[in-house]
All heavy atoms as atom14 arrays in JSON, in Angstrom:
{
  "sequence": "AQRLLVVGITKMSPSESLPLFFREKGIAAFQDSSVTKR",
  "atom14_mask": [
    [1, 1, 1, 1, 1, 0, 0, 0, 0, 0, 0, 0, 0, 0],
    [1, 1, 1, 1, 1, 1, 1, 1, 1, 0, 0, 0, 0, 0],
    [1, 1, 1, 1, 1, 1, 1, 1, 1, 1, 1, 0, 0, 0],
    [1, 1, 1, 1, 1, 1, 1, 1, 0, 0, 0, 0, 0, 0],
    [1, 1, 1, 1, 1, 1, 1, 1, 0, 0, 0, 0, 0, 0],
    [1, 1, 1, 1, 1, 1, 1, 0, 0, 0, 0, 0, 0, 0],
    [1, 1, 1, 1, 1, 1, 1, 0, 0, 0, 0, 0, 0, 0],
    [1, 1, 1, 1, 0, 0, 0, 0, 0, 0, 0, 0, 0, 0],
    [1, 1, 1, 1, 1, 1, 1, 1, 0, 0, 0, 0, 0, 0],
    [1, 1, 1, 1, 1, 1, 1, 0, 0, 0, 0, 0, 0, 0],
    [1, 1, 1, 1, 1, 1, 1, 1, 1, 0, 0, 0, 0, 0],
    [1, 1, 1, 1, 1, 1, 1, 1, 0, 0, 0, 0, 0, 0],
    [1, 1, 1, 1, 1, 1, 0, 0, 0, 0, 0, 0, 0, 0],
    [1, 1, 1, 1, 1, 1, 1, 0, 0, 0, 0, 0, 0, 0],
    [1, 1, 1, 1, 1, 1, 0, 0, 0, 0, 0, 0, 0, 0],
    [1, 1, 1, 1, 1, 1, 1, 1, 1, 0, 0, 0, 0, 0],
    [1, 1, 1, 1, 1, 1, 0, 0, 0, 0, 0, 0, 0, 0],
    [1, 1, 1, 1, 1, 1, 1, 1, 0, 0, 0, 0, 0, 0],
    [1, 1, 1, 1, 1, 1, 1, 0, 0, 0, 0, 0, 0, 0],
    [1, 1, 1, 1, 1, 1, 1, 1, 0, 0, 0, 0, 0, 0],
    [1, 1, 1, 1, 1, 1, 1, 1, 1, 1, 1, 0, 0, 0],
    [1, 1, 1, 1, 1, 1, 1, 1, 1, 1, 1, 0, 0, 0],
    [1, 1, 1, 1, 1, 1, 1, 1, 1, 1, 1, 0, 0, 0],
    [1, 1, 1, 1, 1, 1, 1, 1, 1, 0, 0, 0, 0, 0],
    [1, 1, 1, 1, 1, 1, 1, 1, 1, 0, 0, 0, 0, 0],
    [1, 1, 1, 1, 0, 0, 0, 0, 0, 0, 0, 0, 0, 0],
    [1, 1, 1, 1, 1, 1, 1, 1, 0, 0, 0, 0, 0, 0],
    [1, 1, 1, 1, 1, 0, 0, 0, 0, 0, 0, 0, 0, 0],
    [1, 1, 1, 1, 1, 0, 0, 0, 0, 0, 0, 0, 0, 0],
    [1, 1, 1, 1, 1, 1, 1, 1, 1, 1, 1, 0, 0, 0],
    [1, 1, 1, 1, 1, 1, 1, 1, 1, 0, 0, 0, 0, 0],
    [1, 1, 1, 1, 1, 1, 1, 1, 0, 0, 0, 0, 0, 0],
    [1, 1, 1, 1, 1, 1, 0, 0, 0, 0, 0, 0, 0, 0],
    [1, 1, 1, 1, 1, 1, 0, 0, 0, 0, 0, 0, 0, 0],
    [1, 1, 1, 1, 1, 1, 1, 0, 0, 0, 0, 0, 0, 0],
    [1, 1, 1, 1, 1, 1, 1, 0, 0, 0, 0, 0, 0, 0],
    [1, 1, 1, 1, 1, 1, 1, 1, 1, 0, 0, 0, 0, 0],
    [1, 1, 1, 1, 1, 1, 1, 1, 1, 1, 1, 0, 0, 0]
  ],
  "atom14_positions": [
    [[-28.78, 0.39, -20.56], [-28.0, -0.1, -19.46], [-28.59, -1.39, -18.83], [-29.03, -1.4, -17.69], [-27.88, 0.99, -18.38], [0.0, 0.0, 0.0], [0.0, 0.0, 0.0], [0.0, 0.0, 0.0], [0.0, 0.0, 0.0], [0.0, 0.0, 0.0], [0.0, 0.0, 0.0], [0.0, 0.0, 0.0], [0.0, 0.0, 0.0], [0.0, 0.0, 0.0]],
    [[-28.55, -2.43, -19.6], [-29.21, -3.68, -19.2], [-28.52, -4.44, -18.1], [-29.1, -5.21, -17.41], [-29.36, -4.59, -20.46], [-30.25, -4.02, -21.57], [-31.67, -3.81, -21.07], [-32.27, -4.63, -20.42], [-32.2, -2.65, -21.45], [0.0, 0.0, 0.0], [0.0, 0.0, 0.0], [0.0, 0.0, 0.0], [0.0, 0.0, 0.0], [0.0, 0.0, 0.0]],
    [[-27.21, -4.15, -17.87], [-26.5, -4.84, -16.83], [-26.39, -4.0, -15.52], [-25.82, -4.44, -14.57], [-25.08, -5.14, -17.31], [-24.96, -6.16, -18.4], [-23.56, -6.57, -18.66], [-23.46, -7.56, -19.72], [-22.33, -8.17, -20.1], [-21.17, -7.84, -19.46], [-22.3, -9.03, -21.04], [0.0, 0.0, 0.0], [0.0, 0.0, 0.0], [0.0, 0.0, 0.0]],
    [[-27.05, -2.84, -15.54], [-26.86, -1.94, -14.38], [-27.51, -2.53, -13.13], [-28.66, -2.92, -13.14], [-27.54, -0.61, -14.77], [-27.28, 0.55, -13.8], [-25.78, 0.86, -13.72], [-28.04, 1.8, -14.27], [0.0, 0.0, 0.0], [0.0, 0.0, 0.0], [0.0, 0.0, 0.0], [0.0, 0.0, 0.0], [0.0, 0.0, 0.0], [0.0, 0.0, 0.0]],
    [[-26.7, -2.59, -12.07], [-27.16, -3.15, -10.81], [-27.43, -2.02, -9.78], [-28.34, -2.14, -8.97], [-26.1, -4.1, -10.22], [-25.74, -5.34, -11.02], [-24.58, -6.08, -10.34], [-26.98, -6.28, -11.06], [0.0, 0.0, 0.0], [0.0, 0.0, 0.0], [0.0, 0.0, 0.0], [0.0, 0.0, 0.0], [0.0, 0.0, 0.0], [0.0, 0.0, 0.0]],
    [[-26.59, -0.95, -9.82], [-26.71, 0.02, -8.73], [-26.2, 1.38, -9.26], [-25.27, 1.46, -10.07], [-25.88, -0.45, -7.5], [-24.42, -0.72, -7.86], [-26.0, 0.54, -6.36], [0.0, 0.0, 0.0], [0.0, 0.0, 0.0], [0.0, 0.0, 0.0], [0.0, 0.0, 0.0], [0.0, 0.0, 0.0], [0.0, 0.0, 0.0], [0.0, 0.0, 0.0]],
    [[-26.86, 2.41, -8.75], [-26.5, 3.82, -9.08], [-26.16, 4.56, -7.78], [-26.86, 4.45, -6.79], [-27.67, 4.52, -9.82], [-27.3, 6.0, -10.01], [-27.96, 3.86, -11.15], [0.0, 0.0, 0.0], [0.0, 0.0, 0.0], [0.0, 0.0, 0.0], [0.0, 0.0, 0.0], [0.0, 0.0, 0.0], [0.0, 0.0, 0.0], [0.0, 0.0, 0.0]],
    [[-25.04, 5.25, -7.82], [-24.66, 6.14, -6.73], [-24.89, 7.59, -7.16], [-24.35, 8.0, -8.18], [0.0, 0.0, 0.0], [0.0, 0.0, 0.0], [0.0, 0.0, 0.0], [0.0, 0.0, 0.0], [0.0, 0.0, 0.0], [0.0, 0.0, 0.0], [0.0, 0.0, 0.0], [0.0, 0.0, 0.0], [0.0, 0.0, 0.0], [0.0, 0.0, 0.0]],
    [[-25.65, 8.34, -6.38], [-25.96, 9.72, -6.72], [-25.19, 10.61, -5.7], [-25.47, 10.61, -4.51], [-27.49, 9.96, -6.6], [-28.21, 8.94, -7.49], [-27.82, 11.37, -7.1], [-29.73, 8.86, -7.17], [0.0, 0.0, 0.0], [0.0, 0.0, 0.0], [0.0, 0.0, 0.0], [0.0, 0.0, 0.0], [0.0, 0.0, 0.0], [0.0, 0.0, 0.0]],
    [[-24.3, 11.38, -6.19], [-23.45, 12.2, -5.32], [-24.14, 13.49, -4.88], [-23.85, 14.05, -3.82], [-22.08, 12.52, -5.97], [-22.32, 13.17, -7.22], [-21.3, 11.21, -6.24], [0.0, 0.0, 0.0], [0.0, 0.0, 0.0], [0.0, 0.0, 0.0], [0.0, 0.0, 0.0], [0.0, 0.0, 0.0], [0.0, 0.0, 0.0], [0.0, 0.0, 0.0]],
    [[-25.04, 13.98, -5.74], [-25.87, 15.19, -5.34], [-27.26, 14.96, -5.9], [-27.47, 14.43, -6.97], [-25.28, 16.44, -6.02], [-23.9, 16.84, -5.55], [-23.38, 18.07, -6.31], [-22.01, 18.42, -5.9], [-21.5, 19.56, -6.65], [0.0, 0.0, 0.0], [0.0, 0.0, 0.0], [0.0, 0.0, 0.0], [0.0, 0.0, 0.0], [0.0, 0.0, 0.0]],
    [[-28.25, 15.31, -5.08], [-29.65, 15.1, -5.48], [-30.51, 16.1, -4.8], [-30.58, 16.2, -3.61], [-30.07, 13.69, -5.12], [-31.46, 13.34, -5.59], [-31.85, 11.59, -5.22], [-33.55, 11.51, -5.67], [0.0, 0.0, 0.0], [0.0, 0.0, 0.0], [0.0, 0.0, 0.0], [0.0, 0.0, 0.0], [0.0, 0.0, 0.0], [0.0, 0.0, 0.0]],
    [[-31.18, 16.92, -5.61], [-32.05, 17.96, -5.04], [-33.35, 17.37, -4.58], [-33.79, 16.32, -5.08], [-32.34, 19.05, -6.1], [-33.13, 18.51, -7.1], [0.0, 0.0, 0.0], [0.0, 0.0, 0.0], [0.0, 0.0, 0.0], [0.0, 0.0, 0.0], [0.0, 0.0, 0.0], [0.0, 0.0, 0.0], [0.0, 0.0, 0.0], [0.0, 0.0, 0.0]],
    [[-33.98, 17.99, -3.57], [-35.25, 17.45, -3.06], [-36.37, 17.35, -4.09], [-37.26, 16.54, -3.96], [-35.63, 18.51, -1.97], [-34.36, 19.15, -1.59], [-33.55, 19.19, -2.84], [0.0, 0.0, 0.0], [0.0, 0.0, 0.0], [0.0, 0.0, 0.0], [0.0, 0.0, 0.0], [0.0, 0.0, 0.0], [0.0, 0.0, 0.0], [0.0, 0.0, 0.0]],
    [[-36.27, 18.16, -5.16], [-37.31, 18.12, -6.18], [-37.14, 16.96, -7.17], [-38.07, 16.69, -7.95], [-37.3, 19.48, -6.93], [-36.03, 19.6, -7.62], [0.0, 0.0, 0.0], [0.0, 0.0, 0.0], [0.0, 0.0, 0.0], [0.0, 0.0, 0.0], [0.0, 0.0, 0.0], [0.0, 0.0, 0.0], [0.0, 0.0, 0.0], [0.0, 0.0, 0.0]],
    [[-36.0, 16.35, -7.15], [-35.78, 15.27, -8.12], [-36.49, 13.98, -7.66], [-36.54, 13.65, -6.45], [-34.26, 14.98, -8.24], [-33.52, 16.03, -9.02], [-32.09, 15.62, -9.22], [-31.32, 15.57, -8.28], [-31.71, 15.32, -10.39], [0.0, 0.0, 0.0], [0.0, 0.0, 0.0], [0.0, 0.0, 0.0], [0.0, 0.0, 0.0], [0.0, 0.0, 0.0]],
    [[-36.99, 13.21, -8.59], [-37.57, 11.93, -8.29], [-36.86, 10.83, -9.09], [-36.39, 11.11, -10.18], [-39.07, 11.94, -8.61], [-39.26, 12.15, -10.03], [0.0, 0.0, 0.0], [0.0, 0.0, 0.0], [0.0, 0.0, 0.0], [0.0, 0.0, 0.0], [0.0, 0.0, 0.0], [0.0, 0.0, 0.0], [0.0, 0.0, 0.0], [0.0, 0.0, 0.0]],
    [[-36.78, 9.61, -8.52], [-36.07, 8.57, -9.16], [-36.88, 8.03, -10.32], [-38.1, 7.84, -10.21], [-35.82, 7.44, -8.16], [-34.78, 7.73, -7.09], [-34.87, 6.73, -5.95], [-33.39, 7.66, -7.7], [0.0, 0.0, 0.0], [0.0, 0.0, 0.0], [0.0, 0.0, 0.0], [0.0, 0.0, 0.0], [0.0, 0.0, 0.0], [0.0, 0.0, 0.0]],
    [[-36.25, 7.72, -11.45], [-36.95, 7.13, -12.59], [-37.64, 5.82, -12.19], [-37.07, 4.98, -11.47], [-35.84, 6.88, -13.63], [-34.73, 7.75, -13.21], [-34.81, 7.86, -11.72], [0.0, 0.0, 0.0], [0.0, 0.0, 0.0], [0.0, 0.0, 0.0], [0.0, 0.0, 0.0], [0.0, 0.0, 0.0], [0.0, 0.0, 0.0], [0.0, 0.0, 0.0]],
    [[-38.84, 5.63, -12.66], [-39.58, 4.38, -12.47], [-38.78, 3.18, -12.95], [-38.87, 2.05, -12.42], [-40.94, 4.44, -13.13], [-41.86, 3.19, -12.96], [-42.22, 3.0, -11.5], [-43.14, 3.37, -13.79], [0.0, 0.0, 0.0], [0.0, 0.0, 0.0], [0.0, 0.0, 0.0], [0.0, 0.0, 0.0], [0.0, 0.0, 0.0], [0.0, 0.0, 0.0]],
    [[-37.94, 3.41, -13.99], [-37.06, 2.41, -14.58], [-36.29, 1.67, -13.53], [-36.07, 0.43, -13.6], [-36.14, 3.07, -15.56], [-35.19, 2.15, -16.25], [-35.47, 1.48, -17.46], [-33.93, 1.94, -15.69], [-34.54, 0.65, -18.07], [-32.98, 1.14, -16.33], [-33.33, 0.48, -17.54], [0.0, 0.0, 0.0], [0.0, 0.0, 0.0], [0.0, 0.0, 0.0]],
    [[-35.78, 2.43, -12.51], [-34.91, 1.75, -11.5], [-35.66, 0.61, -10.76], [-35.16, -0.48, -10.56], [-34.48, 2.8, -10.43], [-33.34, 3.73, -10.92], [-32.88, 3.64, -12.2], [-32.83, 4.69, -10.1], [-31.9, 4.5, -12.69], [-31.84, 5.53, -10.52], [-31.38, 5.43, -11.82], [0.0, 0.0, 0.0], [0.0, 0.0, 0.0], [0.0, 0.0, 0.0]],
    [[-36.91, 0.94, -10.39], [-37.68, -0.08, -9.69], [-38.07, -1.22, -10.57], [-38.06, -2.42, -10.17], [-38.91, 0.56, -9.02], [-38.57, 1.53, -7.9], [-39.83, 2.09, -7.25], [-39.5, 2.95, -6.13], [-39.27, 4.3, -6.24], [-39.35, 4.83, -7.45], [-38.95, 4.99, -5.19], [0.0, 0.0, 0.0], [0.0, 0.0, 0.0], [0.0, 0.0, 0.0]],
    [[-38.46, -0.89, -11.81], [-38.89, -1.94, -12.74], [-37.76, -2.94, -13.1], [-38.02, -4.08, -13.38], [-39.39, -1.24, -14.04], [-40.73, -0.49, -13.88], [-41.1, 0.22, -15.15], [-40.23, 0.41, -16.01], [-42.32, 0.61, -15.26], [0.0, 0.0, 0.0], [0.0, 0.0, 0.0], [0.0, 0.0, 0.0], [0.0, 0.0, 0.0], [0.0, 0.0, 0.0]],
    [[-36.53, -2.45, -13.05], [-35.4, -3.3, -13.41], [-34.63, -3.8, -12.18], [-33.63, -4.48, -12.32], [-34.41, -2.54, -14.32], [-34.98, -2.14, -15.66], [-35.38, -3.38, -16.5], [-35.92, -3.02, -17.85], [-36.28, -4.22, -18.62], [0.0, 0.0, 0.0], [0.0, 0.0, 0.0], [0.0, 0.0, 0.0], [0.0, 0.0, 0.0], [0.0, 0.0, 0.0]],
    [[-35.1, -3.51, -10.98], [-34.45, -4.01, -9.74], [-33.11, -3.36, -9.51], [-32.22, -4.02, -8.98], [0.0, 0.0, 0.0], [0.0, 0.0, 0.0], [0.0, 0.0, 0.0], [0.0, 0.0, 0.0], [0.0, 0.0, 0.0], [0.0, 0.0, 0.0], [0.0, 0.0, 0.0], [0.0, 0.0, 0.0], [0.0, 0.0, 0.0], [0.0, 0.0, 0.0]],
    [[-32.96, -2.08, -9.89], [-31.67, -1.35, -9.73], [-31.69, -0.62, -8.38], [-32.61, 0.16, -8.12], [-31.45, -0.38, -10.89], [-31.35, -1.12, -12.21], [-30.22, 0.46, -10.65], [-31.42, -0.23, -13.45], [0.0, 0.0, 0.0], [0.0, 0.0, 0.0], [0.0, 0.0, 0.0], [0.0, 0.0, 0.0], [0.0, 0.0, 0.0], [0.0, 0.0, 0.0]],
    [[-30.69, -0.84, -7.57], [-30.59, -0.17, -6.3], [-29.99, 1.25, -6.57], [-29.17, 1.43, -7.44], [-29.66, -0.91, -5.32], [0.0, 0.0, 0.0], [0.0, 0.0, 0.0], [0.0, 0.0, 0.0], [0.0, 0.0, 0.0], [0.0, 0.0, 0.0], [0.0, 0.0, 0.0], [0.0, 0.0, 0.0], [0.0, 0.0, 0.0], [0.0, 0.0, 0.0]],
    [[-30.43, 2.23, -5.74], [-29.87, 3.56, -5.84], [-29.53, 4.05, -4.43], [-30.34, 3.89, -3.49], [-30.89, 4.53, -6.5], [0.0, 0.0, 0.0], [0.0, 0.0, 0.0], [0.0, 0.0, 0.0], [0.0, 0.0, 0.0], [0.0, 0.0, 0.0], [0.0, 0.0, 0.0], [0.0, 0.0, 0.0], [0.0, 0.0, 0.0], [0.0, 0.0, 0.0]],
    [[-28.36, 4.66, -4.27], [-27.9, 5.13, -2.98], [-27.53, 6.61, -3.13], [-26.96, 7.03, -4.11], [-26.69, 4.33, -2.49], [-27.03, 2.9, -2.16], [-26.82, 1.92, -3.13], [-27.5, 2.53, -0.94], [-27.08, 0.59, -2.79], [-27.76, 1.23, -0.6], [-27.56, 0.23, -1.58], [0.0, 0.0, 0.0], [0.0, 0.0, 0.0], [0.0, 0.0, 0.0]],
    [[-27.81, 7.36, -2.05], [-27.46, 8.76, -2.09], [-27.27, 9.27, -0.69], [-28.2, 9.62, 0.08], [-28.54, 9.61, -2.73], [-28.14, 11.02, -3.15], [-28.47, 12.03, -2.08], [-29.53, 12.0, -1.43], [-27.55, 12.97, -1.86], [0.0, 0.0, 0.0], [0.0, 0.0, 0.0], [0.0, 0.0, 0.0], [0.0, 0.0, 0.0], [0.0, 0.0, 0.0]],
    [[-26.01, 9.11, -0.2], [-25.63, 9.69, 1.14], [-24.09, 9.78, 1.14], [-23.42, 9.51, 0.22], [-26.21, 8.91, 2.3], [-25.63, 7.49, 2.41], [-24.67, 7.18, 1.73], [-26.22, 6.68, 3.19], [0.0, 0.0, 0.0], [0.0, 0.0, 0.0], [0.0, 0.0, 0.0], [0.0, 0.0, 0.0], [0.0, 0.0, 0.0], [0.0, 0.0, 0.0]],
    [[-23.53, 10.19, 2.32], [-22.09, 10.37, 2.42], [-21.32, 9.05, 2.36], [-20.12, 9.07, 2.15], [-21.79, 11.07, 3.74], [-22.27, 10.32, 4.86], [0.0, 0.0, 0.0], [0.0, 0.0, 0.0], [0.0, 0.0, 0.0], [0.0, 0.0, 0.0], [0.0, 0.0, 0.0], [0.0, 0.0, 0.0], [0.0, 0.0, 0.0], [0.0, 0.0, 0.0]],
    [[-22.02, 7.95, 2.51], [-21.36, 6.61, 2.53], [-21.73, 5.86, 1.26], [-21.75, 4.62, 1.28], [-21.74, 5.84, 3.74], [-21.38, 6.49, 4.91], [0.0, 0.0, 0.0], [0.0, 0.0, 0.0], [0.0, 0.0, 0.0], [0.0, 0.0, 0.0], [0.0, 0.0, 0.0], [0.0, 0.0, 0.0], [0.0, 0.0, 0.0], [0.0, 0.0, 0.0]],
    [[-21.99, 6.54, 0.15], [-22.54, 5.88, -1.04], [-21.65, 4.77, -1.56], [-22.14, 3.69, -1.89], [-22.86, 6.94, -2.15], [-21.59, 7.59, -2.64], [-23.63, 6.29, -3.29], [0.0, 0.0, 0.0], [0.0, 0.0, 0.0], [0.0, 0.0, 0.0], [0.0, 0.0, 0.0], [0.0, 0.0, 0.0], [0.0, 0.0, 0.0], [0.0, 0.0, 0.0]],
    [[-20.35, 4.95, -1.57], [-19.43, 3.93, -2.1], [-19.41, 2.69, -1.23], [-19.45, 1.55, -1.72], [-18.02, 4.52, -2.32], [-18.09, 5.58, -3.27], [-17.11, 3.4, -2.9], [0.0, 0.0, 0.0], [0.0, 0.0, 0.0], [0.0, 0.0, 0.0], [0.0, 0.0, 0.0], [0.0, 0.0, 0.0], [0.0, 0.0, 0.0], [0.0, 0.0, 0.0]],
    [[-19.37, 2.89, 0.08], [-19.42, 1.76, 0.97], [-20.73, 0.98, 0.8], [-20.75, -0.27, 0.85], [-19.29, 2.24, 2.44], [-17.89, 2.71, 2.82], [-17.88, 3.13, 4.27], [-16.5, 3.65, 4.66], [-16.42, 4.08, 6.07], [0.0, 0.0, 0.0], [0.0, 0.0, 0.0], [0.0, 0.0, 0.0], [0.0, 0.0, 0.0], [0.0, 0.0, 0.0]],
    [[-21.81, 1.68, 0.63], [-23.11, 1.03, 0.42], [-23.2, 0.25, -0.89], [-23.75, -0.8, -0.95], [-24.24, 2.02, 0.56], [-24.28, 2.71, 1.9], [-25.65, 3.31, 2.26], [-25.56, 4.12, 3.43], [-25.48, 3.68, 4.66], [-25.46, 2.36, 4.92], [-25.44, 4.5, 5.73], [0.0, 0.0, 0.0], [0.0, 0.0, 0.0], [0.0, 0.0, 0.0]]
  ]
}
């Protein structure tokens, strides 16, 4: 996913951690009730 800019997570358990890949590639990740607006 070389063009990936942003990920929206609709459900995420407290035990889950974000892949280091997101930070290394400058990919934003959002997870709340306003995910699409963000």
